[in-house]
C-alpha atoms as a PDB file:
ATOM      1  CA  MET A   1      49.415  68.014  71.363  1.00  0.00           C
ATOM      2  CA  GLY A   2      49.705  67.620  75.166  1.00  0.00           C
ATOM      3  CA  GLU A   3      47.279  66.021  77.553  1.00  0.00           C
ATOM      4  CA  LYS A   4      44.158  67.899  78.526  1.00  0.00           C
ATOM      5  CA  ILE A   5      44.533  68.099  82.279  1.00  0.00           C
ATOM      6  CA  LEU A   6      41.433  70.200  82.930  1.00  0.00           C
ATOM      7  CA  ASN A   7      38.756  67.507  82.979  1.00  0.00           C
ATOM      8  CA  ILE A   8      36.081  66.068  85.272  1.00  0.00           C
ATOM      9  CA  PRO A   9      38.174  63.232  86.802  1.00  0.00           C
ATOM     10  CA  ASN A  10      41.024  65.624  87.618  1.00  0.00           C
ATOM     11  CA  ALA A  11      38.504  68.068  89.132  1.00  0.00           C
ATOM     12  CA  VAL A  12      37.340  65.250  91.446  1.00  0.00           C
ATOM     13  CA  THR A  13      40.968  64.620  92.394  1.00  0.00           C
ATOM     14  CA  LEU A  14      41.430  68.350  93.039  1.00  0.00           C
ATOM     15  CA  VAL A  15      38.444  68.319  95.417  1.00  0.00           C
ATOM     16  CA  ARG A  16      40.023  65.329  97.208  1.00  0.00           C
ATOM     17  CA  PHE A  17      43.306  67.250  97.378  1.00  0.00           C
ATOM     18  CA  ILE A  18      41.503  70.215  98.984  1.00  0.00           C
ATOM     19  CA  LEU A  19      39.688  67.887 101.435  1.00  0.00           C
ATOM     20  CA  VAL A  20      43.027  67.205 103.136  1.00  0.00           C
ATOM     21  CA  ILE A  21      42.769  70.606 104.866  1.00  0.00           C
ATOM     22  CA  PRO A  22      39.393  70.110 106.613  1.00  0.00           C
ATOM     23  CA  PHE A  23      40.282  66.458 107.315  1.00  0.00           C
ATOM     24  CA  ILE A  24      43.367  67.485 109.290  1.00  0.00           C
ATOM     25  CA  TYR A  25      41.730  70.553 110.821  1.00  0.00           C
ATOM     26  CA  MET A  26      38.831  68.485 112.191  1.00  0.00           C
ATOM     27  CA  LEU A  27      41.283  65.972 113.644  1.00  0.00           C
ATOM     28  CA  PHE A  28      43.185  68.704 115.459  1.00  0.00           C
ATOM     29  CA  ILE A  29      40.075  70.292 116.970  1.00  0.00           C
ATOM     30  CA  GLY A  30      38.882  66.909 118.221  1.00  0.00           C
ATOM     31  CA  GLU A  31      36.033  66.442 115.741  1.00  0.00           C
ATOM     32  CA  ASN A  32      37.004  62.857 114.951  1.00  0.00           C
ATOM     33  CA  LEU A  33      33.677  61.822 113.439  1.00  0.00           C
ATOM     34  CA  SER A  34      33.624  64.867 111.150  1.00  0.00           C
ATOM     35  CA  SER A  35      37.229  64.179 110.219  1.00  0.00           C
ATOM     36  CA  LEU A  36      36.421  60.523 109.574  1.00  0.00           C
ATOM     37  CA  PHE A  37      33.471  61.526 107.372  1.00  0.00           C
ATOM     38  CA  ILE A  38      35.720  63.813 105.294  1.00  0.00           C
ATOM     39  CA  PHE A  39      38.356  61.078 105.095  1.00  0.00           C
ATOM     40  CA  LEU A  40      35.781  58.505 103.921  1.00  0.00           C
ATOM     41  CA  LEU A  41      34.409  60.989 101.385  1.00  0.00           C
ATOM     42  CA  ALA A  42      37.930  61.425 100.019  1.00  0.00           C
ATOM     43  CA  VAL A  43      38.488  57.653  99.905  1.00  0.00           C
ATOM     44  CA  LEU A  44      35.221  57.090  98.025  1.00  0.00           C
ATOM     45  CA  SER A  45      35.975  59.907  95.593  1.00  0.00           C
ATOM     46  CA  ASP A  46      39.322  58.223  94.911  1.00  0.00           C
ATOM     47  CA  LYS A  47      37.429  55.374  93.263  1.00  0.00           C
ATOM     48  CA  LEU A  48      35.149  57.849  91.465  1.00  0.00           C
ATOM     49  CA  ASP A  49      37.875  59.807  89.679  1.00  0.00           C
ATOM     50  CA  GLY A  50      39.457  56.707  88.176  1.00  0.00           C
ATOM     51  CA  THR A  51      36.097  55.301  87.094  1.00  0.00           C
ATOM     52  CA  LEU A  52      35.134  58.620  85.492  1.00  0.00           C
ATOM     53  CA  ALA A  53      38.467  58.865  83.716  1.00  0.00           C
ATOM     54  CA  ARG A  54      38.013  55.432  82.146  1.00  0.00           C
ATOM     55  CA  ARG A  55      34.313  55.859  81.262  1.00  0.00           C
ATOM     56  CA  LEU A  56      34.730  59.360  79.859  1.00  0.00           C
ATOM     57  CA  LYS A  57      37.954  58.353  78.108  1.00  0.00           C
ATOM     58  CA  GLN A  58      39.780  61.135  79.948  1.00  0.00           C
ATOM     59  CA  GLU A  59      42.660  59.143  81.418  1.00  0.00           C
ATOM     60  CA  THR A  60      45.860  61.163  81.471  1.00  0.00           C
ATOM     61  CA  GLN A  61      49.310  60.558  82.864  1.00  0.00           C
ATOM     62  CA  PHE A  62      48.907  63.814  84.790  1.00  0.00           C
ATOM     63  CA  GLY A  63      45.656  62.510  86.319  1.00  0.00           C
ATOM     64  CA  LYS A  64      47.243  59.218  87.384  1.00  0.00           C
ATOM     65  CA  THR A  65      50.181  61.027  88.962  1.00  0.00           C
ATOM     66  CA  PHE A  66      48.019  63.707  90.602  1.00  0.00           C
ATOM     67  CA  ASP A  67      45.735  60.973  91.967  1.00  0.00           C
ATOM     68  CA  ALA A  68      48.675  59.069  93.472  1.00  0.00           C
ATOM     69  CA  LEU A  69      50.161  62.243  94.972  1.00  0.00           C
ATOM     70  CA  THR A  70      46.788  63.231  96.432  1.00  0.00           C
ATOM     71  CA  ASP A  71      46.360  59.772  97.960  1.00  0.00           C
ATOM     72  CA  SER A  72      49.818  59.979  99.490  1.00  0.00           C
ATOM     73  CA  LEU A  73      49.188  63.496 100.802  1.00  0.00           C
ATOM     74  CA  MET A  74      45.955  62.355 102.489  1.00  0.00           C
ATOM     75  CA  VAL A  75      47.669  59.330 104.026  1.00  0.00           C
ATOM     76  CA  ILE A  76      50.886  61.018 105.179  1.00  0.00           C
ATOM     77  CA  SER A  77      49.121  64.069 106.600  1.00  0.00           C
ATOM     78  CA  GLY A  78      46.640  61.821 108.397  1.00  0.00           C
ATOM     79  CA  LEU A  79      49.408  59.660 109.837  1.00  0.00           C
ATOM     80  CA  VAL A  80      51.446  62.682 110.943  1.00  0.00           C
ATOM     81  CA  ALA A  81      48.359  64.202 112.604  1.00  0.00           C
ATOM     82  CA  LEU A  82      47.520  60.909 114.326  1.00  0.00           C
ATOM     83  CA  PHE A  83      51.111  60.722 115.587  1.00  0.00           C
ATOM     84  CA  VAL A  84      51.184  64.356 116.767  1.00  0.00           C
ATOM     85  CA  LEU A  85      47.839  63.893 118.530  1.00  0.00           C
ATOM     86  CA  GLY A  86      49.137  60.787 120.314  1.00  0.00           C
ATOM     87  CA  TYR A  87      46.974  58.164 118.604  1.00  0.00           C
ATOM     88  CA  ILE A  88      49.942  56.202 117.246  1.00  0.00           C
ATOM     89  CA  PRO A  89      53.688  55.997 117.804  1.00  0.00           C
ATOM     90  CA  ILE A  90      55.936  57.278 115.011  1.00  0.00           C
ATOM     91  CA  ILE A  91      57.142  53.766 114.174  1.00  0.00           C
ATOM     92  CA  LEU A  92      53.563  52.720 113.361  1.00  0.00           C
ATOM     93  CA  ALA A  93      53.089  55.746 111.101  1.00  0.00           C
ATOM     94  CA  ILE A  94      56.326  54.872 109.310  1.00  0.00           C
ATOM     95  CA  MET A  95      55.328  51.205 108.979  1.00  0.00           C
ATOM     96  CA  ILE A  96      52.027  52.193 107.360  1.00  0.00           C
ATOM     97  CA  PHE A  97      53.564  54.685 104.934  1.00  0.00           C
ATOM     98  CA  LEU A  98      56.830  52.897 104.079  1.00  0.00           C
ATOM     99  CA  PRO A  99      55.393  50.774 101.215  1.00  0.00           C
ATOM    100  CA  ARG A 100      54.386  53.966  99.376  1.00  0.00           C
ATOM    101  CA  ILE A 101      57.921  55.298  99.750  1.00  0.00           C
ATOM    102  CA  ILE A 102      59.392  52.050  98.435  1.00  0.00           C
ATOM    103  CA  THR A 103      56.980  52.090  95.478  1.00  0.00           C
ATOM    104  CA  ALA A 104      57.971  55.688  94.670  1.00  0.00           C
ATOM    105  CA  ILE A 105      61.674  54.813  94.847  1.00  0.00           C
ATOM    106  CA  LEU A 106      61.191  51.812  92.542  1.00  0.00           C
ATOM    107  CA  PHE A 107      59.293  54.002  90.107  1.00  0.00           C
ATOM    108  CA  LEU A 108      61.963  56.712  90.150  1.00  0.00           C
ATOM    109  CA  LEU A 109      64.850  54.285  89.776  1.00  0.00           C
ATOM    110  CA  PHE A 110      63.456  51.872  87.217  1.00  0.00           C
ATOM    111  CA  PHE A 111      60.523  53.411  85.380  1.00  0.00           C
ATOM    112  CA  ILE A 112      61.377  57.041  84.730  1.00  0.00           C
ATOM    113  CA  PRO A 113      64.745  56.269  83.079  1.00  0.00           C
ATOM    114  CA  LYS A 114      62.997  53.861  80.658  1.00  0.00           C
ATOM    115  CA  LYS A 115      59.982  56.195  80.230  1.00  0.00           C
ATOM    116  CA  ILE A 116      57.598  53.496  81.485  1.00  0.00           C
ATOM    117  CA  LYS A 117      54.290  55.023  82.537  1.00  0.00           C
ATOM    118  CA  PHE A 118      53.054  54.892  86.125  1.00  0.00           C
ATOM    119  CA  PHE A 119      50.547  52.120  86.762  1.00  0.00           C
ATOM    120  CA  THR A 120      48.695  50.431  89.585  1.00  0.00           C
ATOM    121  CA  THR A 121      47.748  46.802  90.087  1.00  0.00           C
ATOM    122  CA  ILE A 122      44.884  45.179  91.922  1.00  0.00           C
ATOM    123  CA  TYR A 123      47.424  44.486  94.679  1.00  0.00           C
ATOM    124  CA  SER A 124      48.355  48.141  95.083  1.00  0.00           C
ATOM    125  CA  ARG A 125      44.671  49.147  95.088  1.00  0.00           C
ATOM    126  CA  VAL A 126      43.789  46.603  97.802  1.00  0.00           C
ATOM    127  CA  ALA A 127      46.884  47.638  99.786  1.00  0.00           C
ATOM    128  CA  ALA A 128      45.639  51.247  99.565  1.00  0.00           C
ATOM    129  CA  LEU A 129      42.232  50.116 100.841  1.00  0.00           C
ATOM    130  CA  PHE A 130      44.007  48.433 103.774  1.00  0.00           C
ATOM    131  CA  VAL A 131      45.900  51.679 104.482  1.00  0.00           C
ATOM    132  CA  TYR A 132      42.658  53.689 104.457  1.00  0.00           C
ATOM    133  CA  THR A 133      40.963  51.111 106.683  1.00  0.00           C
ATOM    134  CA  THR A 134      43.904  51.180 109.102  1.00  0.00           C
ATOM    135  CA  ILE A 135      43.718  54.971 109.380  1.00  0.00           C
ATOM    136  CA  ALA A 136      39.937  54.856 109.901  1.00  0.00           C
ATOM    137  CA  PHE A 137      40.337  52.181 112.602  1.00  0.00           C
ATOM    138  CA  ILE A 138      43.008  54.293 114.340  1.00  0.00           C
ATOM    139  CA  MET A 139      40.673  57.302 114.260  1.00  0.00           C
ATOM    140  CA  LEU A 140      37.899  55.157 115.764  1.00  0.00           C
ATOM    141  CA  GLU A 141      40.388  53.690 118.255  1.00  0.00           C
ATOM    142  CA  ILE A 142      39.711  50.151 117.013  1.00  0.00           C
ATOM    143  CA  THR A 143      43.182  48.709 117.397  1.00  0.00           C
ATOM    144  CA  ILE A 144      42.568  44.959 117.299  1.00  0.00           C
ATOM    145  CA  LEU A 145      42.920  44.554 113.514  1.00  0.00           C
ATOM    146  CA  ILE A 146      45.556  47.187 112.768  1.00  0.00           C
ATOM    147  CA  TYR A 147      48.597  44.906 112.751  1.00  0.00           C
ATOM    148  CA  GLY A 148      46.838  42.323 110.573  1.00  0.00           C
ATOM    149  CA  LEU A 149      46.010  45.093 108.094  1.00  0.00           C
ATOM    150  CA  ILE A 150      49.630  46.258 108.104  1.00  0.00           C
ATOM    151  CA  ILE A 151      50.815  42.705 107.357  1.00  0.00           C
ATOM    152  CA  GLY A 152      48.302  42.644 104.489  1.00  0.00           C
ATOM    153  CA  ILE A 153      49.638  45.973 103.207  1.00  0.00           C
ATOM    154  CA  TYR A 154      53.154  44.539 103.026  1.00  0.00           C
ATOM    155  CA  ILE A 155      52.124  41.252 101.401  1.00  0.00           C
ATOM    156  CA  LEU A 156      50.122  43.083  98.725  1.00  0.00           C
ATOM    157  CA  SER A 157      52.890  45.647  98.256  1.00  0.00           C
ATOM    158  CA  PHE A 158      55.483  42.921  97.713  1.00  0.00           C
ATOM    159  CA  ILE A 159      53.282  41.370  95.023  1.00  0.00           C
ATOM    160  CA  HIS A 160      52.816  44.815  93.428  1.00  0.00           C
ATOM    161  CA  TRP A 161      56.588  45.415  93.492  1.00  0.00           C
ATOM    162  CA  TYR A 162      57.118  42.039  91.833  1.00  0.00           C
ATOM    163  CA  GLU A 163      54.666  43.081  89.089  1.00  0.00           C
ATOM    164  CA  MET A 164      56.533  46.380  88.694  1.00  0.00           C
ATOM    165  CA  VAL A 165      59.867  44.595  88.299  1.00  0.00           C
ATOM    166  CA  LYS A 166      58.311  42.151  85.826  1.00  0.00           C
ATOM    167  CA  VAL A 167      57.020  45.042  83.679  1.00  0.00           C
ATOM    168  CA  LYS A 168      60.411  46.744  83.863  1.00  0.00           C
ATOM    169  CA  LYS A 169      62.146  43.559  82.635  1.00  0.00           C
ATOM    170  CA  ASP A 170      59.714  43.287  79.708  1.00  0.00           C
ATOM    171  CA  ALA A 171      60.261  46.917  78.671  1.00  0.00           C
END
């Protein structure tokens, strides 16, 4: 029988998915603090859905994929909005999002053909936290730490990619 995709953790992810709309809307009407609050709510609920899935024994491949897609949607839409609104140049938006693209390409090239399931590592989770922090700092116009966070994103992503390649070799 297939996975049960209608469960509490996936409902939390669905709420986070829907939160992208008010997050972007508030950014575009200049309500940065409201937008930041929605963004932080989404980031915190990202931790909640995974914890619930493990505790309730409701982890599904659909949930993991939907969670990753929702995270990427929140990040890419936020970066595009911040670029369009003039907060960041396009190259900075690309630099922040590029590790997610590389991870997706590695997954598509190496994992799907061997039917290896999607997974995260502590490195990818901390890199995601750095991405969220970078976006929040941009929204608050705190620019002093942004480039250090981006360097951290790449270091952690490289370690995660190494772990992905190691798993692929073992499969």
